[in-house]
Amino acid sequence: MPRWAVHRRLYDWVLSLAHKPHGTAALFVLSFAESSFFPIPPDVLQIALTLERRSRAFYYAAVSAVASVLGGVAGYFIGWLLWSAVDEFFFKYIFSREVFDRVGVMYHDNAFWAIFTAAFTPIPYKVFTIAAGVFHEKVSLVTLVVASAVGRSGRFFLVAMLLWWLGPPVKGFIDRYFNLLSIVFTVLLIASFVLLERFAE
């Protein structure tokens, strides 16, 4: 079966969880798992849950953020303690060796901004959490947690704010443009910090 077909089935299954009694628990588990191996982003379920109960929009965002950061910590320890036993599995099914090596180079340049960018944008966050553990000499657990907390909270609370404010009409907009908007926002944010640093010199 083509990979896109598998992902589509997973996507539909994740959406169906919004109509289950344990939808919030499923959101926690999905957010946790997506930080190290699961391919479907938790935004999908967070959006579906929020559209059913907009009054809990920011609660769902908090669940997504906390679980995702905890999952990032789990990914860190997978990379630090188990990598030699599981690396072939991840390279075969989760991400490529080339992408992994590229992240290692990014960690050499600026680990905090690399993790923050991955946490906020559609860049596969799981690669960065596991690579942080593998390259733990360059990336401390504190750096991972802080950068992940800022990036993941920003991402999930942005979704919550848009849905709480605009409701169902914004769902299609988020589905179509959220990836692009998150990348643009991150570029602008990083650029603003660079300019501030230069003016401070």
N, C-alpha and C. Protein backbone atom coordinates (compact mmCIF):
# COMPACT_ATOMS: atom_id res chain seq x y z
N MET A 1 0.85 -1.19 0.00
CA MET A 1 0.00 0.00 0.00
C MET A 1 0.89 1.25 0.00
N PRO A 2 0.61 2.25 -0.86
CA PRO A 2 1.41 3.46 -0.89
C PRO A 2 1.40 4.16 0.47
N ARG A 3 2.52 4.86 0.77
CA ARG A 3 2.61 5.53 2.07
C ARG A 3 1.53 6.59 2.25
N TRP A 4 1.18 7.30 1.15
CA TRP A 4 0.16 8.34 1.27
C TRP A 4 -1.18 7.75 1.67
N ALA A 5 -1.47 6.52 1.20
CA ALA A 5 -2.74 5.87 1.54
C ALA A 5 -2.76 5.49 3.02
N VAL A 6 -1.63 5.02 3.53
CA VAL A 6 -1.54 4.70 4.95
C VAL A 6 -1.76 5.95 5.79
N HIS A 7 -1.11 7.04 5.38
CA HIS A 7 -1.26 8.30 6.12
C HIS A 7 -2.70 8.80 6.08
N ARG A 8 -3.36 8.63 4.95
CA ARG A 8 -4.75 9.08 4.84
C ARG A 8 -5.65 8.29 5.79
N ARG A 9 -5.41 6.99 5.88
CA ARG A 9 -6.21 6.18 6.80
C ARG A 9 -5.95 6.58 8.24
N LEU A 10 -4.68 6.84 8.56
CA LEU A 10 -4.35 7.30 9.91
C LEU A 10 -5.00 8.64 10.19
N TYR A 11 -4.97 9.52 9.20
CA TYR A 11 -5.59 10.84 9.34
C TYR A 11 -7.08 10.72 9.63
N ASP A 12 -7.78 9.89 8.88
CA ASP A 12 -9.22 9.69 9.08
C ASP A 12 -9.49 9.06 10.45
N TRP A 13 -8.63 8.13 10.85
CA TRP A 13 -8.80 7.49 12.16
C TRP A 13 -8.63 8.50 13.29
N VAL A 14 -7.63 9.37 13.15
CA VAL A 14 -7.40 10.41 14.16
C VAL A 14 -8.62 11.33 14.25
N LEU A 15 -9.17 11.73 13.12
CA LEU A 15 -10.36 12.57 13.12
C LEU A 15 -11.53 11.90 13.83
N SER A 16 -11.66 10.60 13.65
CA SER A 16 -12.78 9.88 14.27
C SER A 16 -12.70 9.89 15.79
N LEU A 17 -11.51 10.08 16.35
CA LEU A 17 -11.34 10.09 17.80
C LEU A 17 -12.02 11.28 18.45
N ALA A 18 -12.27 12.33 17.68
CA ALA A 18 -12.91 13.52 18.23
C ALA A 18 -14.33 13.23 18.70
N HIS A 19 -14.93 12.20 18.15
CA HIS A 19 -16.31 11.86 18.49
C HIS A 19 -16.41 10.75 19.53
N LYS A 20 -15.28 10.40 20.13
CA LYS A 20 -15.25 9.37 21.16
C LYS A 20 -15.26 10.01 22.55
N PRO A 21 -15.73 9.29 23.57
CA PRO A 21 -15.73 9.84 24.93
C PRO A 21 -14.34 10.16 25.46
N HIS A 22 -13.34 9.44 24.94
CA HIS A 22 -11.97 9.63 25.42
C HIS A 22 -11.17 10.51 24.47
N GLY A 23 -11.83 11.46 23.82
CA GLY A 23 -11.16 12.31 22.84
C GLY A 23 -9.99 13.10 23.41
N THR A 24 -10.15 13.63 24.63
CA THR A 24 -9.07 14.42 25.24
C THR A 24 -7.88 13.54 25.57
N ALA A 25 -8.14 12.34 26.09
CA ALA A 25 -7.05 11.41 26.38
C ALA A 25 -6.34 11.01 25.08
N ALA A 26 -7.11 10.83 24.02
CA ALA A 26 -6.52 10.49 22.73
C ALA A 26 -5.63 11.63 22.23
N LEU A 27 -6.06 12.87 22.47
CA LEU A 27 -5.26 14.03 22.08
C LEU A 27 -3.93 14.03 22.82
N PHE A 28 -3.96 13.70 24.10
CA PHE A 28 -2.72 13.64 24.89
C PHE A 28 -1.78 12.57 24.33
N VAL A 29 -2.31 11.39 24.10
CA VAL A 29 -1.49 10.28 23.60
C VAL A 29 -0.94 10.59 22.21
N LEU A 30 -1.78 11.14 21.35
CA LEU A 30 -1.35 11.48 19.99
C LEU A 30 -0.25 12.54 20.02
N SER A 31 -0.43 13.57 20.84
CA SER A 31 0.57 14.64 20.94
C SER A 31 1.89 14.09 21.46
N PHE A 32 1.82 13.19 22.42
CA PHE A 32 3.01 12.57 22.98
C PHE A 32 3.72 11.72 21.91
N ALA A 33 2.96 10.89 21.23
CA ALA A 33 3.54 9.96 20.26
C ALA A 33 4.10 10.68 19.04
N GLU A 34 3.46 11.78 18.61
CA GLU A 34 3.90 12.49 17.41
C GLU A 34 5.28 13.11 17.60
N SER A 35 5.68 13.30 18.86
CA SER A 35 6.98 13.92 19.13
C SER A 35 8.16 12.97 18.92
N SER A 36 7.86 11.69 18.69
CA SER A 36 8.97 10.76 18.49
C SER A 36 8.78 9.78 17.32
N PHE A 37 7.52 9.43 16.98
CA PHE A 37 7.39 8.45 15.90
C PHE A 37 6.09 8.53 15.11
N PHE A 38 4.99 9.02 15.67
CA PHE A 38 3.70 8.97 14.98
C PHE A 38 3.64 10.04 13.89
N PRO A 39 3.15 9.70 12.67
CA PRO A 39 3.24 10.63 11.53
C PRO A 39 2.19 11.73 11.47
N ILE A 40 1.04 11.57 12.13
CA ILE A 40 -0.04 12.55 12.00
C ILE A 40 0.07 13.61 13.10
N PRO A 41 0.11 14.89 12.75
CA PRO A 41 0.25 15.95 13.77
C PRO A 41 -0.99 16.06 14.64
N PRO A 42 -0.84 16.40 15.91
CA PRO A 42 -1.98 16.48 16.82
C PRO A 42 -2.94 17.61 16.51
N ASP A 43 -2.52 18.56 15.69
CA ASP A 43 -3.41 19.67 15.32
C ASP A 43 -4.72 19.16 14.73
N VAL A 44 -4.64 18.06 14.01
CA VAL A 44 -5.82 17.48 13.36
C VAL A 44 -6.91 17.18 14.38
N LEU A 45 -6.54 16.48 15.45
CA LEU A 45 -7.51 16.13 16.48
C LEU A 45 -7.86 17.34 17.33
N GLN A 46 -6.89 18.19 17.61
CA GLN A 46 -7.17 19.39 18.40
C GLN A 46 -8.21 20.27 17.71
N ILE A 47 -8.09 20.43 16.40
CA ILE A 47 -9.06 21.24 15.65
C ILE A 47 -10.45 20.61 15.71
N ALA A 48 -10.52 19.29 15.50
CA ALA A 48 -11.82 18.61 15.51
C ALA A 48 -12.49 18.71 16.88
N LEU A 49 -11.70 18.52 17.95
CA LEU A 49 -12.26 18.62 19.30
C LEU A 49 -12.72 20.05 19.59
N THR A 50 -11.93 21.02 19.18
CA THR A 50 -12.26 22.41 19.46
C THR A 50 -13.51 22.86 18.73
N LEU A 51 -13.70 22.38 17.52
CA LEU A 51 -14.89 22.76 16.77
C LEU A 51 -16.16 22.21 17.42
N GLU A 52 -16.02 21.12 18.16
CA GLU A 52 -17.18 20.57 18.87
C GLU A 52 -17.44 21.32 20.17
N ARG A 53 -16.34 21.78 20.83
CA ARG A 53 -16.48 22.49 22.12
C ARG A 53 -15.51 23.66 22.13
N ARG A 54 -15.92 24.75 21.50
CA ARG A 54 -15.04 25.91 21.38
C ARG A 54 -14.66 26.52 22.73
N SER A 55 -15.52 26.34 23.74
CA SER A 55 -15.22 26.89 25.06
C SER A 55 -13.98 26.25 25.68
N ARG A 56 -13.59 25.08 25.19
CA ARG A 56 -12.42 24.37 25.71
C ARG A 56 -11.21 24.49 24.78
N ALA A 57 -11.23 25.47 23.90
CA ALA A 57 -10.18 25.62 22.90
C ALA A 57 -8.79 25.69 23.53
N PHE A 58 -8.64 26.51 24.56
CA PHE A 58 -7.32 26.70 25.16
C PHE A 58 -6.94 25.54 26.08
N TYR A 59 -7.93 24.84 26.59
CA TYR A 59 -7.65 23.62 27.36
C TYR A 59 -7.05 22.56 26.45
N TYR A 60 -7.64 22.39 25.26
CA TYR A 60 -7.11 21.41 24.32
C TYR A 60 -5.70 21.81 23.87
N ALA A 61 -5.47 23.10 23.70
CA ALA A 61 -4.13 23.57 23.32
C ALA A 61 -3.12 23.22 24.41
N ALA A 62 -3.52 23.40 25.67
CA ALA A 62 -2.62 23.08 26.78
C ALA A 62 -2.32 21.59 26.83
N VAL A 63 -3.34 20.76 26.61
CA VAL A 63 -3.13 19.31 26.59
C VAL A 63 -2.14 18.95 25.49
N SER A 64 -2.32 19.51 24.31
CA SER A 64 -1.43 19.22 23.19
C SER A 64 0.00 19.64 23.50
N ALA A 65 0.15 20.84 24.07
CA ALA A 65 1.49 21.38 24.34
C ALA A 65 2.22 20.56 25.39
N VAL A 66 1.56 20.29 26.51
CA VAL A 66 2.20 19.55 27.61
C VAL A 66 2.59 18.15 27.14
N ALA A 67 1.66 17.45 26.49
CA ALA A 67 1.95 16.09 26.03
C ALA A 67 3.05 16.08 24.99
N SER A 68 3.05 17.07 24.12
CA SER A 68 4.06 17.11 23.06
C SER A 68 5.46 17.33 23.63
N VAL A 69 5.57 18.22 24.62
CA VAL A 69 6.87 18.45 25.24
C VAL A 69 7.34 17.19 25.99
N LEU A 70 6.42 16.54 26.68
CA LEU A 70 6.78 15.29 27.36
C LEU A 70 7.21 14.23 26.34
N GLY A 71 6.52 14.19 25.21
CA GLY A 71 6.92 13.27 24.15
C GLY A 71 8.29 13.62 23.59
N GLY A 72 8.58 14.93 23.53
CA GLY A 72 9.90 15.36 23.09
C GLY A 72 10.99 14.88 24.03
N VAL A 73 10.71 14.91 25.33
CA VAL A 73 11.66 14.40 26.32
C VAL A 73 11.87 12.90 26.11
N ALA A 74 10.78 12.18 25.85
CA ALA A 74 10.89 10.74 25.57
C ALA A 74 11.75 10.51 24.33
N GLY A 75 11.54 11.33 23.29
CA GLY A 75 12.36 11.22 22.09
C GLY A 75 13.83 11.47 22.38
N TYR A 76 14.10 12.43 23.25
CA TYR A 76 15.48 12.74 23.65
C TYR A 76 16.15 11.51 24.27
N PHE A 77 15.43 10.83 25.15
CA PHE A 77 16.02 9.66 25.80
C PHE A 77 16.12 8.46 24.86
N ILE A 78 15.22 8.39 23.88
CA ILE A 78 15.36 7.36 22.85
C ILE A 78 16.67 7.57 22.11
N GLY A 79 16.94 8.82 21.74
CA GLY A 79 18.17 9.12 21.03
C GLY A 79 19.41 8.94 21.88
N TRP A 80 19.31 9.27 23.14
CA TRP A 80 20.47 9.21 24.02
C TRP A 80 20.80 7.77 24.45
N LEU A 81 19.77 7.01 24.83
CA LEU A 81 20.00 5.71 25.46
C LEU A 81 19.75 4.50 24.55
N LEU A 82 18.93 4.66 23.52
CA LEU A 82 18.51 3.50 22.74
C LEU A 82 18.88 3.57 21.27
N TRP A 83 19.56 4.63 20.85
CA TRP A 83 19.73 4.87 19.41
C TRP A 83 20.41 3.72 18.68
N SER A 84 21.43 3.16 19.26
CA SER A 84 22.16 2.09 18.58
C SER A 84 21.28 0.86 18.34
N ALA A 85 20.22 0.70 19.13
CA ALA A 85 19.33 -0.46 18.98
C ALA A 85 18.16 -0.19 18.04
N VAL A 86 17.81 1.10 17.85
CA VAL A 86 16.59 1.41 17.09
C VAL A 86 16.85 2.28 15.86
N ASP A 87 18.10 2.64 15.59
CA ASP A 87 18.36 3.59 14.51
C ASP A 87 17.89 3.08 13.14
N GLU A 88 18.07 1.80 12.85
CA GLU A 88 17.66 1.27 11.55
C GLU A 88 16.16 1.34 11.36
N PHE A 89 15.41 1.09 12.42
CA PHE A 89 13.95 1.20 12.34
C PHE A 89 13.54 2.62 11.99
N PHE A 90 14.12 3.61 12.66
CA PHE A 90 13.75 5.01 12.42
C PHE A 90 14.17 5.45 11.01
N PHE A 91 15.34 5.03 10.56
CA PHE A 91 15.79 5.42 9.23
C PHE A 91 14.94 4.76 8.14
N LYS A 92 14.37 3.63 8.44
CA LYS A 92 13.56 2.93 7.44
C LYS A 92 12.12 3.43 7.40
N TYR A 93 11.56 3.75 8.57
CA TYR A 93 10.13 4.04 8.62
C TYR A 93 9.77 5.47 9.03
N ILE A 94 10.65 6.18 9.72
CA ILE A 94 10.26 7.46 10.31
C ILE A 94 10.89 8.66 9.60
N PHE A 95 12.20 8.65 9.41
CA PHE A 95 12.87 9.75 8.70
C PHE A 95 14.16 9.23 8.09
N SER A 96 14.70 9.98 7.14
CA SER A 96 15.88 9.53 6.41
C SER A 96 17.17 9.87 7.16
N ARG A 97 18.22 9.15 6.83
CA ARG A 97 19.53 9.41 7.42
C ARG A 97 20.04 10.80 7.03
N GLU A 98 19.73 11.22 5.80
CA GLU A 98 20.18 12.53 5.33
C GLU A 98 19.56 13.66 6.16
N VAL A 99 18.27 13.55 6.43
CA VAL A 99 17.60 14.56 7.25
C VAL A 99 18.18 14.58 8.66
N PHE A 100 18.41 13.40 9.20
CA PHE A 100 18.97 13.29 10.54
C PHE A 100 20.35 13.95 10.61
N ASP A 101 21.20 13.68 9.64
CA ASP A 101 22.54 14.27 9.62
C ASP A 101 22.47 15.79 9.48
N ARG A 102 21.49 16.27 8.71
CA ARG A 102 21.33 17.72 8.53
C ARG A 102 20.95 18.38 9.85
N VAL A 103 20.12 17.71 10.64
CA VAL A 103 19.75 18.26 11.94
C VAL A 103 20.96 18.35 12.85
N GLY A 104 21.85 17.35 12.77
CA GLY A 104 23.07 17.39 13.56
C GLY A 104 23.90 18.62 13.25
N VAL A 105 23.96 19.01 11.97
CA VAL A 105 24.69 20.22 11.58
C VAL A 105 23.99 21.46 12.14
N MET A 106 22.67 21.47 12.11
CA MET A 106 21.92 22.60 12.65
C MET A 106 22.16 22.76 14.14
N TYR A 107 22.30 21.65 14.85
CA TYR A 107 22.57 21.71 16.28
C TYR A 107 23.95 22.30 16.56
N HIS A 108 24.85 22.10 15.65
CA HIS A 108 26.18 22.69 15.81
C HIS A 108 26.10 24.22 15.71
N ASP A 109 25.17 24.73 14.90
CA ASP A 109 25.04 26.17 14.69
C ASP A 109 24.25 26.84 15.82
N ASN A 110 23.03 26.36 16.07
CA ASN A 110 22.20 26.96 17.12
C ASN A 110 21.09 25.99 17.49
N ALA A 111 21.29 25.26 18.56
CA ALA A 111 20.35 24.21 18.94
C ALA A 111 18.99 24.77 19.33
N PHE A 112 18.98 25.87 20.09
CA PHE A 112 17.70 26.41 20.57
C PHE A 112 16.79 26.79 19.40
N TRP A 113 17.32 27.56 18.45
CA TRP A 113 16.49 28.02 17.34
C TRP A 113 16.10 26.87 16.43
N ALA A 114 16.96 25.89 16.30
CA ALA A 114 16.62 24.72 15.48
C ALA A 114 15.41 23.99 16.07
N ILE A 115 15.44 23.77 17.39
CA ILE A 115 14.34 23.06 18.04
C ILE A 115 13.07 23.89 18.03
N PHE A 116 13.21 25.18 18.34
CA PHE A 116 12.03 26.06 18.34
C PHE A 116 11.35 26.05 16.97
N THR A 117 12.14 26.19 15.92
CA THR A 117 11.59 26.23 14.56
C THR A 117 10.85 24.94 14.23
N ALA A 118 11.45 23.80 14.59
CA ALA A 118 10.80 22.51 14.33
C ALA A 118 9.54 22.35 15.17
N ALA A 119 9.56 22.88 16.40
CA ALA A 119 8.41 22.75 17.29
C ALA A 119 7.22 23.57 16.81
N PHE A 120 7.49 24.68 16.15
CA PHE A 120 6.40 25.57 15.75
C PHE A 120 5.92 25.34 14.33
N THR A 121 6.79 24.92 13.45
CA THR A 121 6.45 24.80 12.03
C THR A 121 6.16 23.34 11.65
N PRO A 122 5.83 23.09 10.38
CA PRO A 122 5.57 21.71 9.93
C PRO A 122 6.82 20.85 9.81
N ILE A 123 8.02 21.42 10.03
CA ILE A 123 9.24 20.61 10.00
C ILE A 123 9.07 19.45 10.98
N PRO A 124 9.42 18.22 10.60
CA PRO A 124 9.21 17.06 11.50
C PRO A 124 9.92 17.23 12.85
N TYR A 125 9.14 17.53 13.85
CA TYR A 125 9.66 17.77 15.20
C TYR A 125 10.35 16.54 15.77
N LYS A 126 9.83 15.36 15.41
CA LYS A 126 10.36 14.11 15.98
C LYS A 126 11.84 13.90 15.63
N VAL A 127 12.26 14.36 14.45
CA VAL A 127 13.66 14.22 14.07
C VAL A 127 14.54 15.00 15.04
N PHE A 128 14.06 16.16 15.44
CA PHE A 128 14.85 17.04 16.30
C PHE A 128 14.91 16.54 17.74
N THR A 129 13.83 15.95 18.23
CA THR A 129 13.85 15.46 19.61
C THR A 129 14.80 14.26 19.74
N ILE A 130 14.72 13.35 18.79
CA ILE A 130 15.60 12.18 18.85
C ILE A 130 17.05 12.56 18.58
N ALA A 131 17.25 13.42 17.59
CA ALA A 131 18.62 13.86 17.28
C ALA A 131 19.23 14.61 18.46
N ALA A 132 18.41 15.34 19.21
CA ALA A 132 18.92 16.05 20.38
C ALA A 132 19.51 15.08 21.39
N GLY A 133 18.88 13.93 21.54
CA GLY A 133 19.42 12.91 22.44
C GLY A 133 20.68 12.28 21.92
N VAL A 134 20.72 12.03 20.61
CA VAL A 134 21.91 11.45 20.00
C VAL A 134 23.09 12.42 20.13
N PHE A 135 22.81 13.71 19.92
CA PHE A 135 23.86 14.73 20.01
C PHE A 135 23.77 15.47 21.35
N HIS A 136 23.59 14.72 22.42
CA HIS A 136 23.37 15.34 23.72
C HIS A 136 24.57 16.14 24.22
N GLU A 137 25.75 15.92 23.63
CA GLU A 137 26.89 16.75 24.01
C GLU A 137 26.69 18.18 23.54
N LYS A 138 25.92 18.37 22.46
CA LYS A 138 25.65 19.70 21.92
C LYS A 138 24.33 20.27 22.40
N VAL A 139 23.38 19.40 22.76
CA VAL A 139 22.03 19.83 23.09
C VAL A 139 21.65 19.32 24.48
N SER A 140 21.48 20.21 25.42
CA SER A 140 21.09 19.79 26.77
C SER A 140 19.59 19.52 26.81
N LEU A 141 19.18 18.75 27.78
CA LEU A 141 17.75 18.46 27.96
C LEU A 141 16.99 19.75 28.27
N VAL A 142 17.62 20.65 29.01
CA VAL A 142 16.97 21.93 29.35
C VAL A 142 16.69 22.73 28.07
N THR A 143 17.66 22.77 27.17
CA THR A 143 17.47 23.48 25.90
C THR A 143 16.31 22.88 25.13
N LEU A 144 16.25 21.57 25.07
CA LEU A 144 15.15 20.90 24.37
C LEU A 144 13.81 21.26 24.99
N VAL A 145 13.71 21.20 26.31
CA VAL A 145 12.44 21.44 26.99
C VAL A 145 11.99 22.89 26.80
N VAL A 146 12.89 23.84 26.99
CA VAL A 146 12.52 25.25 26.89
C VAL A 146 12.12 25.61 25.46
N ALA A 147 12.95 25.23 24.49
CA ALA A 147 12.65 25.54 23.09
C ALA A 147 11.37 24.85 22.64
N SER A 148 11.17 23.62 23.08
CA SER A 148 9.96 22.88 22.72
C SER A 148 8.72 23.49 23.36
N ALA A 149 8.84 23.89 24.61
CA ALA A 149 7.70 24.48 25.31
C ALA A 149 7.25 25.78 24.64
N VAL A 150 8.21 26.60 24.24
CA VAL A 150 7.87 27.86 23.58
C VAL A 150 7.27 27.59 22.19
N GLY A 151 7.93 26.74 21.42
CA GLY A 151 7.47 26.46 20.06
C GLY A 151 6.16 25.71 19.99
N ARG A 152 6.04 24.65 20.76
CA ARG A 152 4.81 23.86 20.73
C ARG A 152 3.62 24.63 21.31
N SER A 153 3.84 25.37 22.39
CA SER A 153 2.75 26.17 22.95
C SER A 153 2.31 27.23 21.95
N GLY A 154 3.28 27.89 21.32
CA GLY A 154 2.92 28.89 20.32
C GLY A 154 2.10 28.31 19.20
N ARG A 155 2.46 27.15 18.74
CA ARG A 155 1.74 26.51 17.63
C ARG A 155 0.31 26.14 18.03
N PHE A 156 0.17 25.42 19.14
CA PHE A 156 -1.14 24.91 19.51
C PHE A 156 -2.08 26.02 20.02
N PHE A 157 -1.53 27.00 20.71
CA PHE A 157 -2.38 28.10 21.18
C PHE A 157 -2.77 29.03 20.05
N LEU A 158 -1.95 29.12 19.00
CA LEU A 158 -2.34 29.88 17.82
C LEU A 158 -3.56 29.24 17.16
N VAL A 159 -3.52 27.93 17.02
CA VAL A 159 -4.68 27.20 16.47
C VAL A 159 -5.91 27.43 17.35
N ALA A 160 -5.73 27.32 18.66
CA ALA A 160 -6.85 27.52 19.59
C ALA A 160 -7.44 28.92 19.48
N MET A 161 -6.57 29.92 19.40
CA MET A 161 -7.04 31.30 19.32
C MET A 161 -7.85 31.54 18.04
N LEU A 162 -7.35 31.02 16.92
CA LEU A 162 -8.07 31.21 15.66
C LEU A 162 -9.43 30.54 15.69
N LEU A 163 -9.48 29.32 16.22
CA LEU A 163 -10.75 28.59 16.27
C LEU A 163 -11.72 29.21 17.28
N TRP A 164 -11.21 29.63 18.43
CA TRP A 164 -12.07 30.26 19.45
C TRP A 164 -12.64 31.57 18.94
N TRP A 165 -11.84 32.31 18.21
CA TRP A 165 -12.24 33.63 17.73
C TRP A 165 -13.15 33.55 16.51
N LEU A 166 -12.79 32.69 15.55
CA LEU A 166 -13.50 32.67 14.28
C LEU A 166 -14.41 31.47 14.08
N GLY A 167 -14.17 30.40 14.84
CA GLY A 167 -15.06 29.25 14.77
C GLY A 167 -14.90 28.42 13.51
N PRO A 168 -15.93 27.63 13.16
CA PRO A 168 -15.86 26.69 12.04
C PRO A 168 -15.39 27.27 10.71
N PRO A 169 -15.76 28.52 10.34
CA PRO A 169 -15.32 29.03 9.04
C PRO A 169 -13.80 29.04 8.84
N VAL A 170 -13.04 29.09 9.96
CA VAL A 170 -11.59 29.17 9.82
C VAL A 170 -10.95 27.80 9.64
N LYS A 171 -11.72 26.72 9.81
CA LYS A 171 -11.13 25.38 9.71
C LYS A 171 -10.48 25.14 8.35
N GLY A 172 -11.21 25.46 7.28
CA GLY A 172 -10.65 25.27 5.95
C GLY A 172 -9.41 26.10 5.72
N PHE A 173 -9.43 27.32 6.26
CA PHE A 173 -8.27 28.21 6.14
C PHE A 173 -7.06 27.60 6.85
N ILE A 174 -7.25 27.08 8.05
CA ILE A 174 -6.15 26.47 8.79
C ILE A 174 -5.63 25.24 8.06
N ASP A 175 -6.55 24.39 7.59
CA ASP A 175 -6.14 23.19 6.87
C ASP A 175 -5.29 23.53 5.65
N ARG A 176 -5.66 24.61 4.97
CA ARG A 176 -4.98 24.94 3.71
C ARG A 176 -3.70 25.75 3.92
N TYR A 177 -3.71 26.68 4.88
CA TYR A 177 -2.61 27.64 4.95
C TYR A 177 -1.80 27.62 6.24
N PHE A 178 -2.15 26.76 7.20
CA PHE A 178 -1.45 26.84 8.48
C PHE A 178 0.04 26.59 8.35
N ASN A 179 0.44 25.61 7.54
CA ASN A 179 1.87 25.33 7.38
C ASN A 179 2.62 26.55 6.87
N LEU A 180 2.05 27.19 5.85
CA LEU A 180 2.70 28.38 5.29
C LEU A 180 2.74 29.51 6.31
N LEU A 181 1.64 29.73 7.01
CA LEU A 181 1.60 30.81 7.99
C LEU A 181 2.59 30.58 9.12
N SER A 182 2.71 29.35 9.57
CA SER A 182 3.63 29.07 10.67
C SER A 182 5.08 29.30 10.25
N ILE A 183 5.41 28.95 8.99
CA ILE A 183 6.77 29.19 8.50
C ILE A 183 7.05 30.69 8.41
N VAL A 184 6.10 31.45 7.85
CA VAL A 184 6.27 32.89 7.72
C VAL A 184 6.42 33.54 9.09
N PHE A 185 5.58 33.13 10.03
CA PHE A 185 5.64 33.68 11.38
C PHE A 185 7.00 33.40 12.02
N THR A 186 7.49 32.18 11.85
CA THR A 186 8.78 31.81 12.45
C THR A 186 9.92 32.61 11.84
N VAL A 187 9.90 32.78 10.52
CA VAL A 187 10.95 33.56 9.85
C VAL A 187 10.94 35.00 10.36
N LEU A 188 9.74 35.58 10.48
CA LEU A 188 9.64 36.95 10.98
C LEU A 188 10.11 37.05 12.43
N LEU A 189 9.79 36.05 13.24
CA LEU A 189 10.19 36.07 14.64
C LEU A 189 11.70 35.99 14.78
N ILE A 190 12.32 35.07 14.05
CA ILE A 190 13.77 34.92 14.11
C ILE A 190 14.45 36.19 13.58
N ALA A 191 13.92 36.75 12.49
CA ALA A 191 14.49 37.96 11.92
C ALA A 191 14.44 39.11 12.92
N SER A 192 13.33 39.20 13.68
CA SER A 192 13.21 40.28 14.65
C SER A 192 14.25 40.14 15.75
N PHE A 193 14.52 38.92 16.20
CA PHE A 193 15.55 38.71 17.22
C PHE A 193 16.94 39.03 16.69
N VAL A 194 17.20 38.68 15.43
CA VAL A 194 18.50 38.99 14.82
C VAL A 194 18.70 40.49 14.76
N LEU A 195 17.65 41.22 14.36
CA LEU A 195 17.75 42.68 14.29
C LEU A 195 17.96 43.29 15.67
N LEU A 196 17.27 42.76 16.66
CA LEU A 196 17.45 43.27 18.02
C LEU A 196 18.88 43.06 18.50
N GLU A 197 19.44 41.90 18.20
CA GLU A 197 20.82 41.61 18.60
C GLU A 197 21.80 42.57 17.93
N ARG A 198 21.55 42.88 16.67
CA ARG A 198 22.45 43.77 15.95
C ARG A 198 22.35 45.20 16.46
N PHE A 199 21.16 45.64 16.79
CA PHE A 199 20.99 46.99 17.33
C PHE A 199 21.60 47.10 18.73
N ALA A 200 21.63 45.97 19.44
CA ALA A 200 22.17 45.98 20.80
C ALA A 200 23.69 46.00 20.81
N GLU A 201 24.32 45.66 19.69
CA GLU A 201 25.79 45.61 19.63
C GLU A 201 26.41 47.00 19.67
